[in-house]
């Protein structure tokens, strides 16, 4: 646990219609738990004028209508919620996510392994051994930020972005892992690819995971990837979900 995990929150304005409640400055499960507890409390009993709640690693952004709910009232409600018994946060789920580390999917795996003094097989095995926490979505719809990356592959991000990767790329960079739902240039290293769709707007729950969920990656070969991708594209969820 980081030193600031138990510190009081800081209230920061984001323009005239959003308040950021910041609980710390690090990627830490205890800080994330506080963010999600406040998120759950406000969602269960929202003040009039609250528009949207956006949890991140270390803060909760609260969008509100300043013509209905002023900042002082909102801060008072937040402080009241934090002083009350903790709101019951939904039970986190545990996911097993298929991932192919072989070429052409793990296109940067050999480069990452060389940087960390490992073989590609060792780097892939290390990534698959990780137990990851879903901290937040951001950057693009379905882009999932994951904490829990094993230290031996905790590489820094590139100084210059590489060309666009494929959709559903599994990434490593900056001491974190991530799953990208869209093709784009990136400063992260592409170590594999999952056949699962993390963002599907036609589903009842467009985003597959919830912040606070945990997951592990299950290595699969290219043939299995192709079979699972076809099933996923037909609408099936190929990641396996269990209650934590």
Foldseek 3Di string as FASTA:
>chain_A
DDPQLPPAWDWDDDPQFKIKTFRDDDQDVSQLVVQQQLVLLCVVPPDPFWDDWFFARTIIMTGGDCVRANPVNVVVVSVVQVVDPGDDGDFAKEWEFEKAQDPPFQVQLCVLQVVLVHHSVVSVVQQQPWKWFFGHDDDDPLKTKIAGRDPSSQAAFAPDWDAWDQAQFWWHHNRTIITHHHTGTTRTGGRTGTLAHQADPVDPPRGDGDGGHMYGYDYDHPVVRVVVNVVRVVPDGPMDMDGD
